[in-house]
Amino acid sequence: MSDRASVEPSAAHSTSTSEQGSFCSARCTCGWRGPARRARSLARDDAAGHEAAAGAA
């Protein structure tokens, strides 16, 4: 099951979350992948942090 991160995507970075068993991780269209988390909210925070860092670059 995928769920959109609650962040506006930048031009080259669009994130989503995906679940595998009891773990959830954030992914980006640029190839970045966050760590596996048990809480979806933490995976969404990882996605937001990635998009913020990518926007600052």
PDB file of N, CA and C in Angstrom:
ATOM      1  N   MET A   1       0.846  -1.173   0.000  1.00  0.00           N
ATOM      2  CA  MET A   1       0.000   0.000   0.000  1.00  0.00           C
ATOM      3  C   MET A   1       0.885   1.227   0.000  1.00  0.00           C
ATOM      4  N   SER A   2       0.621   2.172  -0.871  1.00  0.00           N
ATOM      5  CA  SER A   2       1.381   3.410  -0.932  1.00  0.00           C
ATOM      6  C   SER A   2       0.514   4.558  -0.483  1.00  0.00           C
ATOM      7  N   ASP A   3       1.171   5.577   0.026  1.00  0.00           N
ATOM      8  CA  ASP A   3       0.450   6.726   0.526  1.00  0.00           C
ATOM      9  C   ASP A   3       1.319   7.946   0.284  1.00  0.00           C
ATOM     10  N   ARG A   4       0.743   8.988  -0.300  1.00  0.00           N
ATOM     11  CA  ARG A   4       1.509  10.192  -0.647  1.00  0.00           C
ATOM     12  C   ARG A   4       2.030  10.867   0.604  1.00  0.00           C
ATOM     13  N   ALA A   5       3.259  11.297   0.542  1.00  0.00           N
ATOM     14  CA  ALA A   5       3.809  12.087   1.637  1.00  0.00           C
ATOM     15  C   ALA A   5       3.067  13.415   1.658  1.00  0.00           C
ATOM     16  N   SER A   6       2.895  13.973   2.835  1.00  0.00           N
ATOM     17  CA  SER A   6       2.111  15.197   2.948  1.00  0.00           C
ATOM     18  C   SER A   6       2.987  16.430   2.713  1.00  0.00           C
ATOM     19  N   VAL A   7       3.744  16.400   1.632  1.00  0.00           N
ATOM     20  CA  VAL A   7       4.637  17.497   1.293  1.00  0.00           C
ATOM     21  C   VAL A   7       4.457  17.798  -0.191  1.00  0.00           C
ATOM     22  N   GLU A   8       4.563  19.054  -0.570  1.00  0.00           N
ATOM     23  CA  GLU A   8       4.505  19.407  -1.981  1.00  0.00           C
ATOM     24  C   GLU A   8       5.782  18.938  -2.660  1.00  0.00           C
ATOM     25  N   PRO A   9       5.691  18.144  -3.718  1.00  0.00           N
ATOM     26  CA  PRO A   9       6.898  17.656  -4.387  1.00  0.00           C
ATOM     27  C   PRO A   9       7.594  18.756  -5.179  1.00  0.00           C
ATOM     28  N   SER A  10       8.922  18.724  -5.183  1.00  0.00           N
ATOM     29  CA  SER A  10       9.666  19.649  -6.023  1.00  0.00           C
ATOM     30  C   SER A  10       9.733  19.055  -7.420  1.00  0.00           C
ATOM     31  N   ALA A  11      10.334  19.761  -8.357  1.00  0.00           N
ATOM     32  CA  ALA A  11      10.351  19.325  -9.754  1.00  0.00           C
ATOM     33  C   ALA A  11      10.956  17.935  -9.931  1.00  0.00           C
ATOM     34  N   ALA A  12      12.100  17.667  -9.320  1.00  0.00           N
ATOM     35  CA  ALA A  12      12.788  16.402  -9.539  1.00  0.00           C
ATOM     36  C   ALA A  12      12.569  15.398  -8.405  1.00  0.00           C
ATOM     37  N   HIS A  13      11.876  15.785  -7.347  1.00  0.00           N
ATOM     38  CA  HIS A  13      11.718  14.907  -6.191  1.00  0.00           C
ATOM     39  C   HIS A  13      10.249  14.745  -5.838  1.00  0.00           C
ATOM     40  N   SER A  14       9.755  13.539  -6.016  1.00  0.00           N
ATOM     41  CA  SER A  14       8.387  13.205  -5.644  1.00  0.00           C
ATOM     42  C   SER A  14       8.465  11.977  -4.744  1.00  0.00           C
ATOM     43  N   THR A  15       8.051  12.128  -3.498  1.00  0.00           N
ATOM     44  CA  THR A  15       8.186  11.036  -2.539  1.00  0.00           C
ATOM     45  C   THR A  15       6.865  10.328  -2.300  1.00  0.00           C
ATOM     46  N   SER A  16       6.974   9.099  -1.848  1.00  0.00           N
ATOM     47  CA  SER A  16       5.824   8.298  -1.442  1.00  0.00           C
ATOM     48  C   SER A  16       6.310   7.348  -0.363  1.00  0.00           C
ATOM     49  N   THR A  17       5.376   6.668   0.272  1.00  0.00           N
ATOM     50  CA  THR A  17       5.751   5.651   1.253  1.00  0.00           C
ATOM     51  C   THR A  17       5.264   4.304   0.753  1.00  0.00           C
ATOM     52  N   SER A  18       5.982   3.253   1.129  1.00  0.00           N
ATOM     53  CA  SER A  18       5.554   1.902   0.775  1.00  0.00           C
ATOM     54  C   SER A  18       5.725   1.009   1.990  1.00  0.00           C
ATOM     55  N   GLU A  19       4.862   0.036   2.087  1.00  0.00           N
ATOM     56  CA  GLU A  19       4.876  -0.878   3.230  1.00  0.00           C
ATOM     57  C   GLU A  19       5.304  -2.270   2.804  1.00  0.00           C
ATOM     58  N   GLN A  20       6.122  -2.888   3.657  1.00  0.00           N
ATOM     59  CA  GLN A  20       6.502  -4.289   3.492  1.00  0.00           C
ATOM     60  C   GLN A  20       6.336  -4.937   4.857  1.00  0.00           C
ATOM     61  N   GLY A  21       5.327  -5.746   4.991  1.00  0.00           N
ATOM     62  CA  GLY A  21       5.049  -6.352   6.282  1.00  0.00           C
ATOM     63  C   GLY A  21       4.682  -5.281   7.286  1.00  0.00           C
ATOM     64  N   SER A  22       5.358  -5.262   8.430  1.00  0.00           N
ATOM     65  CA  SER A  22       5.053  -4.266   9.457  1.00  0.00           C
ATOM     66  C   SER A  22       5.969  -3.050   9.369  1.00  0.00           C
ATOM     67  N   PHE A  23       6.690  -2.916   8.264  1.00  0.00           N
ATOM     68  CA  PHE A  23       7.603  -1.786   8.101  1.00  0.00           C
ATOM     69  C   PHE A  23       7.152  -0.875   6.969  1.00  0.00           C
ATOM     70  N   CYS A  24       7.466   0.393   7.090  1.00  0.00           N
ATOM     71  CA  CYS A  24       7.119   1.394   6.101  1.00  0.00           C
ATOM     72  C   CYS A  24       8.387   2.192   5.792  1.00  0.00           C
ATOM     73  N   SER A  25       8.602   2.516   4.529  1.00  0.00           N
ATOM     74  CA  SER A  25       9.762   3.327   4.181  1.00  0.00           C
ATOM     75  C   SER A  25       9.377   4.356   3.129  1.00  0.00           C
ATOM     76  N   ALA A  26      10.111   5.453   3.127  1.00  0.00           N
ATOM     77  CA  ALA A  26       9.875   6.517   2.153  1.00  0.00           C
ATOM     78  C   ALA A  26      10.771   6.277   0.946  1.00  0.00           C
ATOM     79  N   ARG A  27      10.262   6.631  -0.221  1.00  0.00           N
ATOM     80  CA  ARG A  27      11.025   6.510  -1.468  1.00  0.00           C
ATOM     81  C   ARG A  27      10.843   7.782  -2.273  1.00  0.00           C
ATOM     82  N   CYS A  28      11.827   8.066  -3.132  1.00  0.00           N
ATOM     83  CA  CYS A  28      11.776   9.256  -3.969  1.00  0.00           C
ATOM     84  C   CYS A  28      12.049   8.866  -5.416  1.00  0.00           C
ATOM     85  N   THR A  29      11.535   9.654  -6.341  1.00  0.00           N
ATOM     86  CA  THR A  29      11.756   9.383  -7.757  1.00  0.00           C
ATOM     87  C   THR A  29      13.221   9.554  -8.149  1.00  0.00           C
ATOM     88  N   CYS A  30      14.025  10.232  -7.322  1.00  0.00           N
ATOM     89  CA  CYS A  30      15.451  10.412  -7.627  1.00  0.00           C
ATOM     90  C   CYS A  30      16.271   9.172  -7.273  1.00  0.00           C
ATOM     91  N   GLY A  31      15.645   8.176  -6.606  1.00  0.00           N
ATOM     92  CA  GLY A  31      16.352   6.953  -6.238  1.00  0.00           C
ATOM     93  C   GLY A  31      16.634   6.838  -4.753  1.00  0.00           C
ATOM     94  N   TRP A  32      16.441   7.920  -4.009  1.00  0.00           N
ATOM     95  CA  TRP A  32      16.666   7.898  -2.563  1.00  0.00           C
ATOM     96  C   TRP A  32      15.637   7.000  -1.895  1.00  0.00           C
ATOM     97  N   ARG A  33      16.052   6.319  -0.836  1.00  0.00           N
ATOM     98  CA  ARG A  33      15.138   5.499  -0.053  1.00  0.00           C
ATOM     99  C   ARG A  33      15.474   5.664   1.416  1.00  0.00           C
ATOM    100  N   GLY A  34      14.474   5.929   2.215  1.00  0.00           N
ATOM    101  CA  GLY A  34      14.667   6.099   3.653  1.00  0.00           C
ATOM    102  C   GLY A  34      14.730   4.759   4.371  1.00  0.00           C
ATOM    103  N   PRO A  35      15.101   4.796   5.634  1.00  0.00           N
ATOM    104  CA  PRO A  35      15.168   3.553   6.413  1.00  0.00           C
ATOM    105  C   PRO A  35      13.775   2.981   6.685  1.00  0.00           C
ATOM    106  N   ALA A  36      13.720   1.684   6.926  1.00  0.00           N
ATOM    107  CA  ALA A  36      12.459   1.027   7.272  1.00  0.00           C
ATOM    108  C   ALA A  36      12.043   1.484   8.670  1.00  0.00           C
ATOM    109  N   ARG A  37      10.795   1.858   8.797  1.00  0.00           N
ATOM    110  CA  ARG A  37      10.251   2.342  10.071  1.00  0.00           C
ATOM    111  C   ARG A  37       9.002   1.551  10.410  1.00  0.00           C
ATOM    112  N   ARG A  38       8.721   1.407  11.684  1.00  0.00           N
ATOM    113  CA  ARG A  38       7.473   0.763  12.095  1.00  0.00           C
ATOM    114  C   ARG A  38       6.322   1.762  12.102  1.00  0.00           C
ATOM    115  N   ALA A  39       6.621   3.044  12.222  1.00  0.00           N
ATOM    116  CA  ALA A  39       5.579   4.077  12.242  1.00  0.00           C
ATOM    117  C   ALA A  39       5.542   4.812  10.904  1.00  0.00           C
ATOM    118  N   ARG A  40       4.361   4.848  10.291  1.00  0.00           N
ATOM    119  CA  ARG A  40       4.212   5.560   9.012  1.00  0.00           C
ATOM    120  C   ARG A  40       4.577   7.034   9.159  1.00  0.00           C
ATOM    121  N   SER A  41       4.239   7.616  10.304  1.00  0.00           N
ATOM    122  CA  SER A  41       4.518   9.045  10.511  1.00  0.00           C
ATOM    123  C   SER A  41       6.012   9.330  10.428  1.00  0.00           C
ATOM    124  N   LEU A  42       6.845   8.426  10.920  1.00  0.00           N
ATOM    125  CA  LEU A  42       8.298   8.622  10.830  1.00  0.00           C
ATOM    126  C   LEU A  42       8.782   8.500   9.394  1.00  0.00           C
ATOM    127  N   ALA A  43       8.195   7.600   8.632  1.00  0.00           N
ATOM    128  CA  ALA A  43       8.565   7.472   7.215  1.00  0.00           C
ATOM    129  C   ALA A  43       8.172   8.739   6.461  1.00  0.00           C
ATOM    130  N   ARG A  44       6.994   9.297   6.787  1.00  0.00           N
ATOM    131  CA  ARG A  44       6.580  10.551   6.142  1.00  0.00           C
ATOM    132  C   ARG A  44       7.512  11.692   6.544  1.00  0.00           C
ATOM    133  N   ASP A  45       7.970  11.708   7.799  1.00  0.00           N
ATOM    134  CA  ASP A  45       8.935  12.722   8.243  1.00  0.00           C
ATOM    135  C   ASP A  45      10.254  12.578   7.479  1.00  0.00           C
ATOM    136  N   ASP A  46      10.689  11.336   7.238  1.00  0.00           N
ATOM    137  CA  ASP A  46      11.903  11.103   6.443  1.00  0.00           C
ATOM    138  C   ASP A  46      11.740  11.680   5.045  1.00  0.00           C
ATOM    139  N   ALA A  47      10.558  11.455   4.441  1.00  0.00           N
ATOM    140  CA  ALA A  47      10.285  11.965   3.096  1.00  0.00           C
ATOM    141  C   ALA A  47      10.311  13.488   3.078  1.00  0.00           C
ATOM    142  N   ALA A  48       9.688  14.095   4.079  1.00  0.00           N
ATOM    143  CA  ALA A  48       9.667  15.558   4.156  1.00  0.00           C
ATOM    144  C   ALA A  48      11.084  16.108   4.331  1.00  0.00           C
ATOM    145  N   GLY A  49      11.883  15.450   5.143  1.00  0.00           N
ATOM    146  CA  GLY A  49      13.268  15.878   5.343  1.00  0.00           C
ATOM    147  C   GLY A  49      14.088  15.766   4.065  1.00  0.00           C
ATOM    148  N   HIS A  50      13.848  14.708   3.315  1.00  0.00           N
ATOM    149  CA  HIS A  50      14.571  14.530   2.048  1.00  0.00           C
ATOM    150  C   HIS A  50      14.188  15.629   1.068  1.00  0.00           C
ATOM    151  N   GLU A  51      12.889  15.904   0.938  1.00  0.00           N
ATOM    152  CA  GLU A  51      12.459  16.943   0.002  1.00  0.00           C
ATOM    153  C   GLU A  51      12.963  18.312   0.425  1.00  0.00           C
ATOM    154  N   ALA A  52      13.007  18.580   1.726  1.00  0.00           N
ATOM    155  CA  ALA A  52      13.522  19.869   2.196  1.00  0.00           C
ATOM    156  C   ALA A  52      15.015  19.989   1.881  1.00  0.00           C
ATOM    157  N   ALA A  53      15.758  18.907   2.113  1.00  0.00           N
ATOM    158  CA  ALA A  53      17.202  18.925   1.838  1.00  0.00           C
ATOM    159  C   ALA A  53      17.459  19.045   0.334  1.00  0.00           C
ATOM    160  N   ALA A  54      16.641  18.389  -0.463  1.00  0.00           N
ATOM    161  CA  ALA A  54      16.817  18.433  -1.922  1.00  0.00           C
ATOM    162  C   ALA A  54      16.470  19.818  -2.453  1.00  0.00           C
ATOM    163  N   GLY A  55      15.481  20.467  -1.827  1.00  0.00           N
ATOM    164  CA  GLY A  55      15.092  21.809  -2.243  1.00  0.00           C
ATOM    165  C   GLY A  55      16.132  22.851  -1.880  1.00  0.00           C
ATOM    166  N   ALA A  56      16.909  22.564  -0.821  1.00  0.00           N
ATOM    167  CA  ALA A  56      17.941  23.504  -0.364  1.00  0.00           C
ATOM    168  C   ALA A  56      19.211  23.373  -1.182  1.00  0.00           C
ATOM    169  N   ALA A  57      19.337  22.265  -1.923  1.00  0.00           N
ATOM    170  CA  ALA A  57      20.570  22.029  -2.697  1.00  0.00           C
ATOM    171  C   ALA A  57      20.615  22.836  -3.962  1.00  0.00           C
TER     172      ALA A  57
END
